[in-house]
Amino acid sequence: MAAFVSKKYSYATGYVSKVSAQTVGESLERISEYGEKVTAQSFLDFSRDVDSPTHGMFEWDDSIAAERYRLHQASTIICHLECTEEVYESEPTQIELKKKQ
């Protein structure tokens, strides 16, 4: 007797999309069934077709997408920036500052 597996997909708390998580999950399964590895690239390629159920999840206007990507890059840079502070009793000399570098 063959087993039947039912998969239920959902988004992490706080993520909102106009395409259901179930539709995305089933689309990723389809990519895998086609013999492709499921990657960001294979998902994007699958979504390029205007008839793809996930097509609407992406911005296809290159001028808008380029600006959004740059904003994403800026956000990533800011999120990965770390700052450490050192406290001096008095204003440090240039020599002291160079030694810290």
C-alpha atoms as a PDB file:
ATOM      1  CA  MET A   1       0.000   0.000   0.000  1.00  0.00           C
ATOM      2  CA  ALA A   2       1.484   3.324  -1.062  1.00  0.00           C
ATOM      3  CA  ALA A   3       1.731   6.146   1.446  1.00  0.00           C
ATOM      4  CA  PHE A   4       0.200   9.509   0.714  1.00  0.00           C
ATOM      5  CA  VAL A   5       2.058  12.568   1.895  1.00  0.00           C
ATOM      6  CA  SER A   6       0.241  15.871   2.248  1.00  0.00           C
ATOM      7  CA  LYS A   7       2.461  18.945   2.472  1.00  0.00           C
ATOM      8  CA  LYS A   8       1.205  22.192   3.935  1.00  0.00           C
ATOM      9  CA  TYR A   9       3.294  25.300   3.330  1.00  0.00           C
ATOM     10  CA  SER A  10       3.157  28.547   5.294  1.00  0.00           C
ATOM     11  CA  TYR A  11       5.211  31.716   5.550  1.00  0.00           C
ATOM     12  CA  ALA A  12       7.244  32.654   8.608  1.00  0.00           C
ATOM     13  CA  THR A  13       5.524  35.040  10.981  1.00  0.00           C
ATOM     14  CA  GLY A  14       5.460  38.553   9.592  1.00  0.00           C
ATOM     15  CA  TYR A  15       6.026  37.676   5.925  1.00  0.00           C
ATOM     16  CA  VAL A  16       3.195  38.832   3.693  1.00  0.00           C
ATOM     17  CA  SER A  17       2.773  37.950   0.029  1.00  0.00           C
ATOM     18  CA  LYS A  18      -0.008  38.176  -2.528  1.00  0.00           C
ATOM     19  CA  VAL A  19       0.795  34.568  -3.508  1.00  0.00           C
ATOM     20  CA  SER A  20       0.023  31.866  -0.970  1.00  0.00           C
ATOM     21  CA  ALA A  21       2.818  29.888   0.641  1.00  0.00           C
ATOM     22  CA  GLN A  22       1.100  26.719  -0.568  1.00  0.00           C
ATOM     23  CA  THR A  23       1.354  27.909  -4.188  1.00  0.00           C
ATOM     24  CA  VAL A  24       5.044  28.753  -3.748  1.00  0.00           C
ATOM     25  CA  GLY A  25       5.790  25.413  -2.095  1.00  0.00           C
ATOM     26  CA  GLU A  26       4.002  23.471  -4.826  1.00  0.00           C
ATOM     27  CA  SER A  27       5.866  25.491  -7.474  1.00  0.00           C
ATOM     28  CA  LEU A  28       9.174  24.572  -5.847  1.00  0.00           C
ATOM     29  CA  GLU A  29       8.086  20.928  -5.845  1.00  0.00           C
ATOM     30  CA  ARG A  30       7.380  21.205  -9.571  1.00  0.00           C
ATOM     31  CA  ILE A  31      10.888  22.549 -10.186  1.00  0.00           C
ATOM     32  CA  SER A  32      12.273  19.532  -8.350  1.00  0.00           C
ATOM     33  CA  GLU A  33      10.024  17.177 -10.323  1.00  0.00           C
ATOM     34  CA  TYR A  34      11.476  18.622 -13.546  1.00  0.00           C
ATOM     35  CA  GLY A  35      14.830  17.300 -12.330  1.00  0.00           C
ATOM     36  CA  GLU A  36      16.234  20.698 -11.409  1.00  0.00           C
ATOM     37  CA  LYS A  37      17.823  21.639  -8.135  1.00  0.00           C
ATOM     38  CA  VAL A  38      15.653  24.119  -6.243  1.00  0.00           C
ATOM     39  CA  THR A  39      17.662  27.338  -6.042  1.00  0.00           C
ATOM     40  CA  ALA A  40      16.873  31.034  -6.131  1.00  0.00           C
ATOM     41  CA  GLN A  41      17.854  30.993  -9.819  1.00  0.00           C
ATOM     42  CA  SER A  42      15.626  28.034 -10.733  1.00  0.00           C
ATOM     43  CA  PHE A  43      12.720  29.623  -8.820  1.00  0.00           C
ATOM     44  CA  LEU A  44      13.245  32.939 -10.628  1.00  0.00           C
ATOM     45  CA  ASP A  45      13.464  31.160 -13.998  1.00  0.00           C
ATOM     46  CA  PHE A  46      10.269  29.220 -13.227  1.00  0.00           C
ATOM     47  CA  SER A  47       8.534  32.496 -12.333  1.00  0.00           C
ATOM     48  CA  ARG A  48       9.521  34.340 -15.548  1.00  0.00           C
ATOM     49  CA  ASP A  49       6.645  32.859 -17.543  1.00  0.00           C
ATOM     50  CA  VAL A  50       3.651  35.202 -17.259  1.00  0.00           C
ATOM     51  CA  ASP A  51       1.446  32.131 -16.753  1.00  0.00           C
ATOM     52  CA  SER A  52       3.498  30.968 -13.771  1.00  0.00           C
ATOM     53  CA  PRO A  53       1.512  31.203 -10.517  1.00  0.00           C
ATOM     54  CA  THR A  54       4.502  32.946  -8.901  1.00  0.00           C
ATOM     55  CA  HIS A  55       5.160  35.459 -11.704  1.00  0.00           C
ATOM     56  CA  GLY A  56       3.444  38.290  -9.810  1.00  0.00           C
ATOM     57  CA  MET A  57       5.783  37.929  -6.841  1.00  0.00           C
ATOM     58  CA  PHE A  58       8.593  39.599  -8.771  1.00  0.00           C
ATOM     59  CA  GLU A  59       9.183  43.062 -10.180  1.00  0.00           C
ATOM     60  CA  TRP A  60       9.781  42.638 -13.912  1.00  0.00           C
ATOM     61  CA  ASP A  61      10.322  46.319 -14.771  1.00  0.00           C
ATOM     62  CA  ASP A  62      14.139  46.475 -14.790  1.00  0.00           C
ATOM     63  CA  SER A  63      14.369  50.149 -13.843  1.00  0.00           C
ATOM     64  CA  ILE A  64      12.256  49.578 -10.719  1.00  0.00           C
ATOM     65  CA  ALA A  65      13.944  46.261  -9.899  1.00  0.00           C
ATOM     66  CA  ALA A  66      17.413  47.802 -10.183  1.00  0.00           C
ATOM     67  CA  GLU A  67      16.574  50.555  -7.685  1.00  0.00           C
ATOM     68  CA  ARG A  68      15.006  48.045  -5.283  1.00  0.00           C
ATOM     69  CA  TYR A  69      18.108  45.874  -5.531  1.00  0.00           C
ATOM     70  CA  ARG A  70      20.323  48.838  -4.701  1.00  0.00           C
ATOM     71  CA  LEU A  71      18.099  49.577  -1.686  1.00  0.00           C
ATOM     72  CA  HIS A  72      18.449  45.938  -0.648  1.00  0.00           C
ATOM     73  CA  GLN A  73      22.238  46.211  -0.986  1.00  0.00           C
ATOM     74  CA  ALA A  74      22.265  49.398   1.106  1.00  0.00           C
ATOM     75  CA  SER A  75      20.138  47.715   3.767  1.00  0.00           C
ATOM     76  CA  THR A  76      22.429  44.670   3.818  1.00  0.00           C
ATOM     77  CA  ILE A  77      25.510  46.876   4.218  1.00  0.00           C
ATOM     78  CA  ILE A  78      23.920  48.820   7.082  1.00  0.00           C
ATOM     79  CA  CYS A  79      22.724  45.621   8.810  1.00  0.00           C
ATOM     80  CA  HIS A  80      26.190  44.076   8.666  1.00  0.00           C
ATOM     81  CA  LEU A  81      28.087  47.129   9.886  1.00  0.00           C
ATOM     82  CA  GLU A  82      29.498  46.815  13.380  1.00  0.00           C
ATOM     83  CA  CYS A  83      30.834  49.612  15.562  1.00  0.00           C
ATOM     84  CA  THR A  84      33.097  49.448  18.570  1.00  0.00           C
ATOM     85  CA  GLU A  85      33.885  52.401  20.760  1.00  0.00           C
ATOM     86  CA  GLU A  86      36.980  53.131  22.783  1.00  0.00           C
ATOM     87  CA  VAL A  87      36.935  55.625  25.608  1.00  0.00           C
ATOM     88  CA  TYR A  88      39.983  57.808  26.263  1.00  0.00           C
ATOM     89  CA  GLU A  89      40.574  59.974  29.304  1.00  0.00           C
ATOM     90  CA  SER A  90      41.607  62.789  26.946  1.00  0.00           C
ATOM     91  CA  GLU A  91      41.606  63.310  23.207  1.00  0.00           C
ATOM     92  CA  PRO A  92      43.902  60.652  21.681  1.00  0.00           C
ATOM     93  CA  THR A  93      46.932  61.669  19.659  1.00  0.00           C
ATOM     94  CA  GLN A  94      47.282  60.618  16.006  1.00  0.00           C
ATOM     95  CA  ILE A  95      49.913  58.086  17.085  1.00  0.00           C
ATOM     96  CA  GLU A  96      47.523  56.467  19.570  1.00  0.00           C
ATOM     97  CA  LEU A  97      44.811  56.270  16.941  1.00  0.00           C
ATOM     98  CA  LYS A  98      47.166  54.693  14.368  1.00  0.00           C
ATOM     99  CA  LYS A  99      48.236  52.067  16.918  1.00  0.00           C
ATOM    100  CA  LYS A 100      44.574  51.035  17.323  1.00  0.00           C
ATOM    101  CA  GLN A 101      44.154  50.440  13.587  1.00  0.00           C
END
